Protein backbone atom coordinates (compact mmCIF):
# COMPACT_ATOMS: atom_id res chain seq x y z
CA MET A 1 -73.37 89.01 -83.83
CA ASP A 2 -74.47 86.10 -86.00
CA LEU A 3 -74.28 86.20 -89.80
CA LEU A 4 -77.40 84.73 -91.44
CA LEU A 5 -76.65 83.10 -94.79
CA LYS A 6 -79.80 84.11 -96.65
CA VAL A 7 -80.63 85.71 -99.99
CA GLY A 8 -79.54 89.35 -100.15
CA THR A 9 -77.07 89.26 -97.27
CA VAL A 10 -74.04 91.45 -98.00
CA CYS A 11 -70.81 90.19 -96.47
CA MET A 12 -67.09 89.60 -97.11
CA ALA A 13 -65.24 86.64 -98.63
CA SER A 14 -61.48 86.60 -99.22
CA GLY A 15 -61.32 90.40 -99.19
CA ARG A 16 -64.24 90.85 -101.64
CA VAL A 17 -67.69 92.27 -100.91
CA ILE A 18 -70.35 89.78 -102.01
CA GLU A 19 -74.14 89.48 -101.98
CA ILE A 20 -75.50 85.99 -101.29
CA ASP A 21 -77.78 84.66 -104.01
CA ARG A 22 -78.50 81.19 -102.60
CA VAL A 23 -77.07 78.44 -100.42
CA SER A 24 -76.00 75.83 -102.95
CA SER A 25 -74.83 73.14 -100.51
CA ILE A 26 -74.00 72.62 -96.86
CA SER A 27 -70.46 73.90 -97.53
CA HIS A 28 -70.86 76.52 -100.34
CA VAL A 29 -73.02 79.51 -101.31
CA ASP A 30 -73.58 81.16 -104.68
CA ALA A 31 -72.93 84.90 -104.47
CA ARG A 32 -72.47 87.98 -106.65
CA ASP A 33 -69.15 89.81 -106.54
CA MET A 34 -70.23 93.42 -105.84
CA ALA A 35 -67.15 94.80 -107.63
CA THR A 36 -67.43 92.84 -110.91
CA GLY A 37 -71.06 91.71 -110.88
CA LYS A 38 -70.05 88.11 -111.63
CA MET A 39 -71.64 85.09 -109.91
CA ILE A 40 -69.14 83.02 -107.94
CA SER A 41 -69.20 79.94 -105.69
CA VAL A 42 -67.85 80.74 -102.24
CA PRO A 43 -66.96 78.27 -99.41
CA ILE A 44 -69.01 79.06 -96.31
CA ALA A 45 -65.83 78.93 -94.24
CA GLN A 46 -64.56 82.07 -96.08
CA VAL A 47 -67.67 84.17 -95.48
CA GLU A 48 -67.20 86.99 -92.94
CA VAL A 49 -69.25 89.85 -91.59
CA LEU A 50 -68.62 93.34 -92.98
CA PRO A 51 -66.18 95.36 -90.85
CA SER A 52 -67.88 97.36 -88.12
CA THR A 53 -66.69 100.04 -85.72
CA GLY A 54 -69.25 99.26 -83.05
CA ILE A 55 -67.68 98.34 -79.69
CA ALA A 56 -69.52 96.57 -76.88
CA GLN A 57 -68.34 96.29 -73.32
CA GLU A 58 -66.37 93.13 -72.55
CA ALA A 59 -68.54 90.64 -70.69
CA GLY A 60 -66.11 90.18 -67.81
CA ILE A 61 -66.12 93.83 -66.66
CA ILE A 62 -69.91 94.14 -66.24
CA ARG A 63 -71.16 93.96 -62.66
CA GLU A 64 -73.16 90.89 -61.63
CA ALA A 65 -76.54 92.63 -61.18
CA GLU A 66 -76.24 94.43 -64.53
CA TRP A 67 -75.09 91.20 -66.20
CA ARG A 68 -78.19 89.35 -65.00
CA ARG A 69 -80.35 92.15 -66.43
CA CYS A 70 -78.51 91.95 -69.77
CA THR A 71 -78.86 88.17 -70.10
CA GLU A 72 -82.58 88.22 -69.23
CA LEU A 73 -83.22 91.04 -71.69
CA ALA A 74 -81.18 89.22 -74.37
CA LYS A 75 -83.35 86.11 -73.95
CA ASP A 76 -86.56 88.15 -74.32
CA LEU A 77 -85.27 90.04 -77.37
CA GLY A 78 -83.98 86.80 -78.90
CA ALA A 79 -87.57 85.53 -79.09
CA TYR A 80 -88.29 88.33 -81.61
CA SER A 81 -85.04 88.06 -83.57
CA ASP A 82 -86.80 86.67 -86.66
CA CYS A 83 -89.61 89.27 -86.58
CA ARG A 84 -89.29 92.40 -88.70
CA THR A 85 -91.95 94.18 -86.64
CA VAL A 86 -93.26 93.55 -83.14
CA PRO A 87 -96.77 94.60 -82.00
CA ARG A 88 -96.68 97.64 -79.74
CA ALA A 89 -98.63 95.78 -77.06
CA ALA A 90 -95.88 93.17 -76.89
CA LEU A 91 -93.23 95.91 -76.76
CA ALA A 92 -95.11 97.69 -73.97
CA LYS A 93 -95.36 94.48 -71.95
CA LEU A 94 -91.66 93.76 -72.45
CA ALA A 95 -90.69 97.36 -71.62
CA LYS A 96 -92.68 97.24 -68.39
CA ARG A 97 -90.99 93.98 -67.38
CA HIS A 98 -87.55 95.54 -67.79
CA GLU A 99 -88.52 98.95 -66.34
CA MET A 100 -87.93 101.08 -69.43
CA SER A 101 -90.00 103.04 -71.93
CA VAL A 102 -91.13 101.61 -75.25
CA ARG A 103 -88.88 104.07 -77.07
CA GLN A 104 -85.89 102.94 -75.02
CA LEU A 105 -86.73 99.31 -75.77
CA GLN A 106 -86.90 100.03 -79.50
CA ARG A 107 -83.44 101.60 -79.45
CA VAL A 108 -82.06 98.69 -77.47
CA ARG A 109 -83.69 96.18 -79.87
CA ALA A 110 -82.16 97.97 -82.88
CA ALA A 111 -78.69 97.80 -81.31
CA PHE A 112 -79.19 94.13 -80.39
CA ALA A 113 -80.20 93.31 -83.98
CA LYS A 114 -76.82 94.58 -85.18
CA ASP A 115 -74.80 92.78 -82.50
CA SER A 116 -76.65 89.99 -80.70
CA ARG A 117 -74.28 89.72 -77.74
CA ALA A 118 -75.55 90.17 -74.21
CA SER A 119 -72.86 92.78 -73.46
CA THR A 120 -74.39 95.02 -76.15
CA LEU A 121 -77.30 95.64 -73.80
CA ALA A 122 -75.14 96.83 -70.90
CA ARG A 123 -75.96 100.37 -69.81
CA LYS A 124 -73.18 102.89 -69.67
CA ARG A 125 -72.96 104.36 -66.21
CA GLY A 126 -73.28 108.10 -65.82
CA GLY A 127 -72.37 110.35 -62.95
CA ARG A 128 -69.87 108.93 -60.51
CA PRO A 129 -67.16 106.56 -61.77
CA LEU A 130 -67.85 102.86 -61.56
CA GLY A 131 -67.14 101.54 -58.06
CA PHE A 132 -67.06 104.99 -56.43
CA SER A 133 -68.85 105.13 -53.09
CA GLY A 134 -69.65 108.29 -51.17
CA LEU A 135 -70.08 106.39 -47.93
CA ASN A 136 -67.54 106.30 -45.17
CA PRO A 137 -65.60 103.02 -45.70
CA ARG A 138 -66.34 101.98 -42.12
CA VAL A 139 -70.08 102.55 -42.67
CA ASP A 140 -69.94 100.57 -45.91
CA ALA A 141 -68.24 97.67 -44.13
CA LEU A 142 -70.80 97.91 -41.32
CA ILE A 143 -73.71 97.61 -43.78
CA ARG A 144 -72.24 94.54 -45.44
CA HIS A 145 -71.62 92.98 -42.04
CA ALA A 146 -75.27 93.57 -41.11
CA ILE A 147 -76.41 91.97 -44.37
CA ALA A 148 -74.22 88.90 -43.84
CA LYS A 149 -75.30 88.44 -40.23
CA HIS A 150 -78.96 89.50 -40.19
CA TYR A 151 -80.16 88.71 -43.74
CA MET A 152 -78.20 85.64 -44.89
CA CYS A 153 -79.81 83.22 -42.42
CA HIS A 154 -82.52 80.54 -42.42
CA GLU A 155 -84.89 82.72 -40.35
CA LYS A 156 -85.32 84.89 -43.48
CA PRO A 157 -85.73 88.31 -41.87
CA PRO A 158 -87.19 91.08 -44.10
CA LYS A 159 -85.08 93.77 -45.72
CA GLU A 160 -86.43 96.49 -43.44
CA TYR A 161 -85.08 94.61 -40.43
CA VAL A 162 -81.59 94.79 -41.92
CA VAL A 163 -82.01 98.54 -42.49
CA VAL A 164 -82.97 99.10 -38.84
CA ARG A 165 -80.12 96.91 -37.53
CA ALA A 166 -77.52 98.65 -39.71
CA GLN A 167 -78.66 102.11 -38.61
CA SER A 168 -78.68 101.04 -34.95
CA MET A 169 -75.16 99.62 -35.16
CA ALA A 170 -73.92 102.85 -36.75
CA ARG A 171 -75.41 105.00 -33.95
CA ARG A 172 -73.92 102.82 -31.23
CA LEU A 173 -70.49 102.97 -32.87
CA GLN A 174 -70.87 106.76 -33.25
CA LEU A 175 -70.62 106.54 -37.05
CA PRO A 176 -72.73 108.45 -39.62
CA THR A 177 -76.15 106.80 -39.89
CA PRO A 178 -76.64 105.26 -43.37
CA SER A 179 -79.84 106.02 -45.24
CA ARG A 180 -82.43 103.36 -46.03
CA LYS A 181 -81.58 103.72 -49.73
CA ALA A 182 -77.87 103.08 -49.10
CA VAL A 183 -78.58 99.88 -47.13
CA LEU A 184 -81.11 98.53 -49.65
CA LEU A 185 -78.78 99.31 -52.56
CA ARG A 186 -76.02 97.16 -51.09
CA LEU A 187 -78.46 94.45 -50.03
CA ASN A 188 -79.87 94.16 -53.56
CA GLN A 189 -76.32 93.75 -54.89
CA GLU A 190 -75.96 90.62 -52.75
CA LEU A 191 -79.12 88.94 -54.01
CA GLY A 192 -78.57 85.81 -56.07
CA ALA A 193 -77.75 82.15 -55.76
CA ALA A 194 -75.61 82.65 -52.63
CA SER A 195 -78.35 84.55 -50.76
CA ASP A 196 -80.98 81.96 -51.70
CA MET A 197 -78.66 79.19 -50.54
CA ALA A 198 -78.25 80.89 -47.15
CA ARG A 199 -81.94 81.76 -46.68
CA GLU A 200 -83.80 78.97 -48.48
CA GLY A 201 -81.38 76.09 -48.14
CA GLY A 202 -79.65 73.95 -50.74
CA PRO A 203 -82.61 72.10 -52.32
CA ALA A 204 -84.71 75.24 -52.82
CA ALA A 205 -81.76 77.22 -54.18
CA ARG A 206 -80.81 74.46 -56.60
CA GLN A 207 -84.42 74.23 -57.75
CA LYS A 208 -84.36 77.94 -58.59
CA TRP A 209 -80.85 78.42 -59.96
CA ARG A 210 -80.07 75.07 -61.61
CA PRO A 211 -81.75 73.27 -64.52
CA ARG A 212 -84.89 71.34 -63.63
CA THR A 213 -84.71 67.58 -63.72
CA GLY A 214 -86.42 65.73 -66.52
CA GLY A 215 -85.81 64.00 -69.82
CA LEU A 216 -83.97 65.60 -72.73
CA SER A 217 -86.26 67.08 -75.35
CA VAL A 218 -84.48 68.13 -78.55
CA GLY A 219 -86.22 69.71 -81.51
CA LYS A 220 -83.51 70.22 -84.13
CA HIS A 221 -79.78 70.51 -84.72
CA LEU A 222 -77.77 72.76 -82.36
CA ASP A 223 -80.60 72.86 -79.80
CA LEU A 224 -78.48 70.81 -77.40
CA ILE A 225 -74.94 69.46 -77.40
CA GLN A 226 -73.18 67.37 -74.77
CA ILE A 227 -69.46 67.64 -73.97
CA ASP A 228 -67.28 65.20 -72.06
CA HIS A 229 -63.70 63.88 -71.86
CA THR A 230 -62.20 60.43 -72.11
CA ARG A 231 -58.73 58.95 -72.15
CA ALA A 232 -58.07 57.16 -75.42
CA ASP A 233 -57.40 53.41 -75.28
CA VAL A 234 -54.17 53.71 -77.28
CA MET A 235 -50.54 54.65 -76.70
CA VAL A 236 -48.93 57.39 -78.83
CA LEU A 237 -45.32 58.41 -79.48
CA SER A 238 -43.42 61.69 -79.60
CA ASP A 239 -42.76 63.32 -82.97
CA ASP A 240 -39.31 61.67 -83.22
CA ARG A 241 -40.92 58.28 -82.32
CA LEU A 242 -38.24 57.68 -79.68
CA GLU A 243 -40.35 58.45 -76.59
CA LEU A 244 -43.63 56.95 -75.41
CA LEU A 245 -46.00 59.79 -74.47
CA GLY A 246 -48.81 57.62 -73.10
CA ARG A 247 -52.58 57.76 -73.63
CA PRO A 248 -53.98 61.07 -74.98
CA TRP A 249 -57.16 62.77 -73.74
CA ILE A 250 -60.08 63.42 -76.10
CA THR A 251 -62.75 66.09 -75.53
CA LEU A 252 -65.85 65.50 -77.66
CA ALA A 253 -69.01 67.50 -78.39
CA VAL A 254 -72.04 65.64 -79.82
CA ASP A 255 -75.14 67.23 -81.33
CA VAL A 256 -77.97 65.34 -79.61
CA ALA A 257 -80.53 65.82 -82.41
CA THR A 258 -78.37 64.46 -85.26
CA ARG A 259 -75.73 62.52 -83.23
CA CYS A 260 -73.01 64.25 -85.27
CA VAL A 261 -69.63 64.89 -83.68
CA LEU A 262 -69.73 68.68 -83.67
CA GLY A 263 -66.35 69.29 -82.04
CA MET A 264 -63.21 67.39 -80.99
CA TYR A 265 -60.02 68.35 -79.15
CA ILE A 266 -57.12 65.92 -78.53
CA SER A 267 -54.20 66.62 -76.20
CA MET A 268 -51.84 64.94 -73.76
CA ASP A 269 -52.94 67.40 -71.04
CA ALA A 270 -55.48 66.36 -68.41
CA PRO A 271 -59.07 67.66 -68.82
CA SER A 272 -59.41 71.37 -68.09
CA SER A 273 -61.63 74.34 -68.84
CA VAL A 274 -59.22 75.20 -71.68
CA ALA A 275 -59.92 71.86 -73.37
CA VAL A 276 -63.66 72.50 -73.03
CA SER A 277 -63.28 76.00 -74.49
CA LEU A 278 -61.22 74.78 -77.45
CA CYS A 279 -63.75 72.02 -78.09
CA ILE A 280 -66.57 74.60 -78.12
CA GLU A 281 -64.51 76.73 -80.52
CA HIS A 282 -63.99 73.73 -82.82
CA ALA A 283 -67.72 72.93 -82.66
CA ALA A 284 -69.02 76.44 -83.36
CA LEU A 285 -66.62 77.55 -86.12
CA PRO A 286 -66.14 76.02 -89.59
CA LYS A 287 -63.61 73.21 -89.28
CA PRO A 288 -59.97 73.85 -90.26
CA GLU A 289 -59.83 70.22 -91.45
CA ASN A 290 -61.83 71.32 -94.52
CA ASP A 291 -58.88 73.44 -95.71
CA SER A 292 -56.83 70.35 -96.58
CA ASP A 293 -59.72 67.93 -97.25
CA ARG A 294 -62.69 69.80 -98.71
CA GLY A 295 -66.05 69.02 -97.17
CA ILE A 296 -64.77 66.32 -94.83
CA TRP A 297 -66.39 67.93 -91.74
CA PRO A 298 -69.25 70.28 -92.77
CA MET A 299 -70.85 70.57 -89.31
CA TYR A 300 -70.58 73.86 -87.45
CA GLY A 301 -72.78 76.34 -85.63
CA LYS A 302 -73.36 78.03 -82.29
CA PRO A 303 -75.34 75.72 -79.98
CA LYS A 304 -78.29 76.96 -77.96
CA LYS A 305 -77.53 74.81 -74.94
CA ILE A 306 -74.50 72.85 -73.67
CA LEU A 307 -74.95 70.05 -71.15
CA VAL A 308 -71.87 69.00 -69.16
CA ASP A 309 -71.12 67.04 -66.01
CA ASN A 310 -70.23 68.51 -62.62
CA GLY A 311 -66.43 68.32 -62.96
CA LYS A 312 -64.21 71.24 -61.98
CA ASP A 313 -63.09 71.66 -65.59
CA PHE A 314 -66.66 72.64 -66.54
CA ARG A 315 -66.97 75.33 -63.84
CA SER A 316 -64.72 78.24 -64.73
CA LEU A 317 -65.72 81.91 -64.81
CA ALA A 318 -64.35 82.30 -68.34
CA LEU A 319 -66.47 79.38 -69.61
CA GLU A 320 -69.64 80.63 -67.92
CA ARG A 321 -69.16 84.24 -69.03
CA GLY A 322 -68.28 83.11 -72.58
CA CYS A 323 -71.53 81.17 -72.82
CA ASP A 324 -73.54 84.08 -71.38
CA GLU A 325 -71.88 86.50 -73.81
CA HIS A 326 -73.07 84.49 -76.83
CA GLN A 327 -76.46 83.42 -75.40
CA ILE A 328 -75.41 79.80 -74.98
CA GLU A 329 -77.12 78.15 -72.04
CA LEU A 330 -74.59 76.21 -69.96
CA ALA A 331 -76.24 73.49 -67.88
CA TRP A 332 -74.86 70.81 -65.58
CA ARG A 333 -76.17 67.28 -65.25
CA PRO A 334 -78.05 66.58 -62.02
CA VAL A 335 -75.89 64.76 -59.50
CA ARG A 336 -76.12 60.97 -59.60
CA THR A 337 -78.06 60.96 -62.89
CA PRO A 338 -75.69 59.35 -65.40
CA HIS A 339 -78.51 58.82 -67.94
CA TYR A 340 -78.38 62.57 -68.67
CA GLY A 341 -75.03 62.03 -70.39
CA GLY A 342 -76.10 58.93 -72.28
CA HIS A 343 -75.57 60.35 -75.78
CA ILE A 344 -71.98 61.45 -75.24
CA GLU A 345 -71.15 58.29 -73.27
CA ARG A 346 -72.37 56.07 -76.11
CA LEU A 347 -70.39 58.12 -78.64
CA ILE A 348 -67.23 57.74 -76.55
CA GLY A 349 -67.80 53.98 -76.31
CA THR A 350 -68.24 53.70 -80.09
CA LEU A 351 -65.08 55.66 -80.91
CA MET A 352 -62.99 53.75 -78.37
CA LYS A 353 -64.05 50.43 -79.91
CA ILE A 354 -62.79 51.78 -83.23
CA ALA A 355 -59.53 52.88 -81.57
CA HIS A 356 -58.93 49.29 -80.43
CA LEU A 357 -57.98 48.53 -84.04
CA LEU A 358 -54.87 50.69 -83.75
CA PRO A 359 -51.41 49.28 -82.97
CA GLY A 360 -50.58 50.19 -79.39
CA THR A 361 -54.15 49.85 -78.11
CA THR A 362 -54.66 49.22 -74.40
CA PHE A 363 -58.16 47.78 -74.94
CA SER A 364 -60.92 48.48 -72.41
CA ASN A 365 -59.47 46.51 -69.51
CA ILE A 366 -56.60 44.27 -68.43
CA ARG A 367 -58.51 41.09 -69.24
CA GLU A 368 -59.04 42.13 -72.87
CA ARG A 369 -55.46 43.30 -73.13
CA GLY A 370 -53.98 39.99 -71.99
CA ASN A 371 -50.28 39.79 -72.86
CA TYR A 372 -50.52 42.33 -75.69
CA ASP A 373 -47.50 44.69 -75.60
CA SER A 374 -49.22 48.08 -75.98
CA GLU A 375 -46.04 50.09 -75.38
CA GLY A 376 -43.96 48.04 -77.77
CA LYS A 377 -46.61 48.03 -80.51
CA ALA A 378 -47.28 51.80 -80.38
CA SER A 379 -46.44 53.43 -83.73
CA LEU A 380 -48.58 56.59 -84.14
CA THR A 381 -47.54 60.10 -83.08
CA LEU A 382 -50.06 62.41 -81.42
CA GLU A 383 -50.65 64.32 -84.66
CA GLU A 384 -51.12 61.09 -86.62
CA PHE A 385 -53.66 59.96 -84.01
CA ARG A 386 -55.57 63.26 -84.49
CA GLN A 387 -55.65 62.71 -88.25
CA TRP A 388 -56.70 59.08 -87.79
CA MET A 389 -59.54 60.02 -85.43
CA THR A 390 -60.71 62.75 -87.83
CA GLN A 391 -60.98 60.23 -90.66
CA LYS A 392 -62.81 57.69 -88.47
CA VAL A 393 -65.27 60.31 -87.18
CA CYS A 394 -66.01 61.90 -90.56
CA ARG A 395 -65.71 58.96 -92.96
CA PHE A 396 -66.83 56.09 -90.78
CA TYR A 397 -68.99 57.15 -87.82
CA HIS A 398 -70.84 59.90 -89.70
CA GLN A 399 -71.45 57.63 -92.69
CA ARG A 400 -72.74 54.56 -90.83
CA ASN A 401 -76.39 54.00 -90.01
CA HIS A 402 -77.23 55.13 -86.46
CA ARG A 403 -79.55 52.74 -84.64
CA ALA A 404 -81.44 55.46 -82.75
CA LEU A 405 -81.88 57.71 -85.82
CA GLY A 406 -82.46 55.10 -88.49
CA VAL A 407 -80.12 57.04 -90.81
CA PRO A 408 -76.42 57.99 -90.71
CA PRO A 409 -75.59 61.15 -88.71
CA ILE A 410 -74.45 63.00 -91.86
CA VAL A 411 -77.85 62.40 -93.44
CA ALA A 412 -79.61 63.55 -90.27
CA TRP A 413 -77.55 66.75 -90.35
CA GLU A 414 -78.31 67.41 -94.04
CA ARG A 415 -82.03 66.81 -93.51
CA SER A 416 -82.08 69.16 -90.53
CA LEU A 417 -80.77 71.95 -92.80
CA THR A 418 -83.23 71.28 -95.63
CA ASP A 419 -86.81 72.57 -95.62
CA ALA A 420 -89.86 71.03 -97.28
CA SER A 421 -89.08 72.80 -100.57
CA GLY A 422 -85.57 71.39 -100.70
CA ASN A 423 -83.86 74.68 -99.83
CA ILE A 424 -80.75 74.48 -97.63
CA THR A 425 -80.45 76.89 -94.68
CA SER A 426 -76.97 76.76 -93.23
CA PRO A 427 -76.39 77.68 -89.57
CA PRO A 428 -75.37 81.32 -88.95
CA LEU A 429 -71.63 81.95 -88.89
CA ILE A 430 -69.82 83.39 -85.89
CA ALA A 431 -69.09 86.91 -87.13
CA ARG A 432 -65.87 87.44 -85.14
CA PRO A 433 -64.10 84.08 -84.68
CA MET A 434 -61.11 85.54 -82.80
CA ASP A 435 -63.38 87.36 -80.34
CA PHE A 436 -65.39 84.16 -79.88
CA ARG A 437 -62.23 82.27 -78.93
CA MET A 438 -61.07 85.04 -76.59
CA ASP A 439 -64.41 84.99 -74.74
CA PHE A 440 -63.75 81.41 -73.61
CA LEU A 441 -60.06 81.62 -72.62
CA PRO A 442 -59.21 81.99 -68.90
CA PHE A 443 -58.17 85.43 -67.67
CA GLU A 444 -56.64 87.33 -64.74
CA MET A 445 -56.68 91.04 -63.83
CA ARG A 446 -53.26 92.70 -64.15
CA LEU A 447 -51.77 96.20 -64.35
CA VAL A 448 -49.90 97.38 -67.45
CA ARG A 449 -46.49 98.53 -66.18
CA ARG A 450 -43.38 99.90 -67.87
CA THR A 451 -41.76 96.49 -67.40
CA GLY A 452 -44.68 94.79 -69.17
CA VAL A 453 -47.70 92.79 -68.09
CA GLU A 454 -46.78 90.31 -65.37
CA LEU A 455 -48.61 86.97 -65.31
CA LYS A 456 -47.59 83.78 -63.48
CA GLY A 457 -44.01 84.96 -62.98
CA SER A 458 -43.51 85.99 -66.62
CA ARG A 459 -43.57 89.36 -68.40
CA TYR A 460 -45.28 90.20 -71.70
CA TRP A 461 -45.22 93.29 -73.89
CA HIS A 462 -46.31 94.83 -77.18
CA ASP A 463 -45.88 98.44 -78.25
CA ASP A 464 -49.66 98.76 -78.67
CA LEU A 465 -49.98 98.50 -74.87
CA ALA A 466 -48.10 101.79 -74.38
CA PRO A 467 -51.30 103.95 -74.24
CA MET A 468 -52.44 101.87 -71.24
CA LEU A 469 -49.40 102.64 -69.06
CA ASN A 470 -51.15 105.49 -67.24
CA SER A 471 -54.44 103.68 -66.66
CA ASP A 472 -55.58 103.61 -63.05
CA GLY A 473 -57.07 100.14 -62.90
CA PRO A 474 -56.07 96.61 -63.92
CA VAL A 475 -56.95 95.10 -67.27
CA ARG A 476 -58.22 91.68 -68.24
CA VAL A 477 -55.35 89.47 -69.48
CA ARG A 478 -56.42 86.33 -71.30
CA TYR A 479 -54.00 83.43 -71.71
CA ASP A 480 -53.74 79.92 -73.09
CA PRO A 481 -52.16 77.62 -70.46
CA ARG A 482 -50.77 75.39 -73.22
CA ASP A 483 -48.71 78.23 -74.73
CA PRO A 484 -46.94 80.55 -72.25
CA GLY A 485 -45.44 82.56 -75.10
CA THR A 486 -48.45 84.84 -75.68
CA VAL A 487 -51.21 86.69 -73.81
CA TRP A 488 -54.05 88.89 -75.09
CA VAL A 489 -55.23 92.27 -73.77
CA ARG A 490 -58.18 94.26 -75.10
CA ARG A 491 -57.73 98.01 -74.97
CA SER A 492 -60.52 100.44 -74.10
CA ASP A 493 -60.92 101.30 -77.80
CA GLY A 494 -61.70 97.65 -78.59
CA VAL A 495 -58.34 96.73 -80.14
CA LEU A 496 -57.16 93.22 -79.19
CA VAL A 497 -53.41 93.31 -78.49
CA THR A 498 -51.32 90.14 -78.71
CA ALA A 499 -48.42 90.53 -76.25
CA ALA A 500 -45.35 88.33 -76.57
CA LEU A 501 -43.20 86.83 -73.81
CA ILE A 502 -40.19 89.03 -72.99
CA GLY A 503 -38.86 87.61 -69.73
CA GLY A 504 -39.51 85.86 -66.45
CA ARG A 505 -40.15 82.29 -65.41
CA ALA A 506 -41.46 81.03 -68.77
CA ALA A 507 -38.59 82.65 -70.68
CA ASP A 508 -36.05 81.18 -68.27
CA ALA A 509 -37.61 77.75 -68.72
CA ILE A 510 -37.24 78.10 -72.47
CA ARG A 511 -33.58 79.13 -72.15
CA THR A 512 -32.53 76.66 -69.46
CA GLY A 513 -34.96 73.83 -69.97
CA LYS A 514 -33.85 70.27 -70.52
CA LEU A 515 -33.04 69.46 -74.11
CA ASP A 516 -35.59 67.33 -75.90
CA ARG A 517 -34.63 64.19 -77.80
CA THR A 518 -34.80 65.89 -81.17
CA THR A 519 -32.44 68.71 -80.18
CA ARG A 520 -30.04 66.31 -78.45
CA ALA A 521 -29.98 64.05 -81.53
CA ARG A 522 -29.20 67.07 -83.75
CA LEU A 523 -26.32 68.15 -81.54
CA ASP A 524 -24.94 64.59 -81.37
CA ALA A 525 -25.15 64.34 -85.15
CA GLU A 526 -23.05 67.51 -85.52
CA THR A 527 -20.49 66.11 -83.09
CA ASP A 528 -20.34 62.87 -85.09
CA LYS A 529 -19.80 64.85 -88.30
CA GLY A 530 -16.88 66.62 -86.62
CA PHE A 531 -15.25 63.31 -85.74
CA GLU A 532 -15.78 62.04 -89.29
CA ALA A 533 -14.15 65.18 -90.72
CA THR A 534 -11.08 65.06 -88.44
CA ASP A 535 -10.69 61.31 -89.01
CA SER A 536 -10.77 61.94 -92.78
CA ILE A 537 -8.11 64.63 -92.48
CA GLU A 538 -5.85 62.26 -90.55
CA VAL A 539 -6.35 59.37 -92.99
CA ASN A 540 -5.68 61.55 -96.04
CA ALA A 541 -2.59 63.03 -94.39
CA ARG A 542 -1.13 59.59 -93.68
CA LYS A 543 -1.86 58.45 -97.20
CA ALA A 544 -0.24 61.52 -98.78
CA THR A 545 2.80 61.17 -96.50
CA ARG A 546 3.37 57.54 -97.50
CA GLN A 547 3.16 58.43 -101.17
CA ALA A 548 5.62 61.32 -100.80
CA ARG A 549 8.23 59.26 -98.91
CA GLY A 550 8.09 56.23 -101.16
CA GLY A 551 8.45 53.94 -98.16
CA GLN A 552 11.55 55.76 -96.84
CA ARG A 553 11.90 57.18 -93.35
CA PRO A 554 12.06 60.97 -93.16
CA ALA A 555 15.56 62.53 -93.20
CA LYS A 556 16.84 64.02 -90.01
CA ARG A 557 17.04 67.80 -89.99
CA SER A 558 20.30 69.31 -88.72
CA ALA A 559 20.05 71.56 -85.74
CA ARG A 560 20.23 75.26 -86.44
CA PRO A 561 22.61 77.54 -84.53
CA GLY A 562 21.35 78.01 -81.01
CA GLU A 563 18.86 75.11 -81.40
CA VAL A 564 18.84 71.91 -79.38
CA SER A 565 18.88 68.71 -81.45
CA LEU A 566 15.85 66.48 -80.97
CA THR A 567 17.87 63.26 -81.26
CA GLU A 568 18.72 63.23 -77.55
CA PRO A 569 17.32 65.10 -74.58
CA ALA A 570 18.95 68.35 -73.58
CA PRO A 571 21.18 68.33 -70.51
CA ILE A 572 19.72 69.33 -67.23
CA ALA A 573 20.75 72.75 -66.06
CA GLY A 574 23.83 72.69 -63.81
CA THR A 575 25.09 69.33 -65.19
CA THR A 576 27.57 68.29 -67.89
CA SER A 577 26.31 66.17 -70.76
CA PRO A 578 28.31 62.92 -71.24
CA ASN A 579 28.04 63.31 -75.03
CA ARG A 580 28.97 66.88 -75.89
CA ALA A 581 28.83 66.11 -79.63
CA ALA A 582 25.12 65.48 -79.40
CA VAL A 583 24.48 69.06 -78.35
CA GLN A 584 26.49 71.66 -80.27
CA LEU A 585 26.21 75.35 -79.60
CA GLU A 586 27.70 77.48 -82.37
CA GLU A 587 28.23 81.17 -82.34
CA TRP A 588 26.32 83.16 -84.83
CA ASP A 589 28.55 85.19 -87.21
């Protein structure tokens, strides 16, 4: 659900209920504290939606056919999101398209207005449990075999032919004959991009299921953003500055209409779907950089469309489902059409030219680098490089005149939020930031056992998972590959449980892993302190001894009765000492 920052909206800010009076700037709103009645200025980043108990189904557990219905209905309802009333003729037309009554459509529209996620529109199944089939398993397998063999082919046979073939095969194998309805039900479940690829061929299927080719047409901010990765032309150091880490990777998101850098993620890890997801999170949510430097990065907002290249890191189920869940259109550039990524490519080129000013730069190529010692000149840590890039993006790139726009990107952004009367309309806030992040993280299906949730050879647990121990099916476990110490599981009541690492491969790696330079230096320093302390004890002891003796040798102590004198060695057993006076044994009275 999106939170519209308009006059009269009641929401939360820092634990207080407020009513928005006006948007005073691109980073603040004027609001009335509902408890005291006083007018206050509130940062937009602190504004939150009022708590709600409504729970929608998680996007990942909805079946493919139902998910396509939800996303298509969400697009149609989204066209009327700004309308208080919709003509009944339009409702009737829309209801007929989605095979429901007008009354049903009105109830669905009311629910969608409260929570504008596609999963809100998912129908709850009645009757038999989800996935239950009354057919003989052999008959079910026979039907799917008939579909694969006699429907998924270039000859494009009709559906009725598949029904007849499936029934004939069942009779010949002396199995129960499936009904026409049972065959068509399973056939319709297989319809989609894969069936069109098999029947129509690649070009026709791509024409239907992929974005059409053509130039980019952008109306306003957040209509379209482009995301891509690049390896920075600079070397960075570890936190202790003793180890050369290499060249970091940067994932950037650019708003095509205003050319603003909407999101940025920097890491030493190679490009992945996680980097893309974290970049989308940084783009859509208010920037954490504003907490320490107010107003440095005021851009935020959920994009309508994201254009990416065809790399593997842009094709994960979590990324696609996350975009579908929040009505973000995810599109891929046509193959061999580099001009479709021109905006992000130019941005990357601009920022890398700026990075060439840093010590430790590798420049663009070997010829430019010459005999420059990039490794030896490197002086910034990874975190310092992040801070440096943030300053250059926000206080240099955003402030400089953009040749294509005629104005700086920050001015283009401000103008896109300002209407003809001079009123500022800020982009809607993501109502549930944590849920938004979870929707984009990768996931795997796992069972909750008494020993914990097992994932990639490690075990995780939290006491809040105890009610799920007796569940029959697996649950969706979301994880962040960068941090093996935590996973997230959403219970059936909607509670998001953060489970901590309790054992397994990741825990063993933490216990037995190679010591880093910082830890080794700390241990060596303690060892050195021990040597310094013992050396000091020895020096002080020698000094005190010299002072006590006054330069004299220590007096010899007489041997006690029954004690061997230390002036000469004791005789060997079975022999007679040549100097019996040296060893005297006296009887004890």
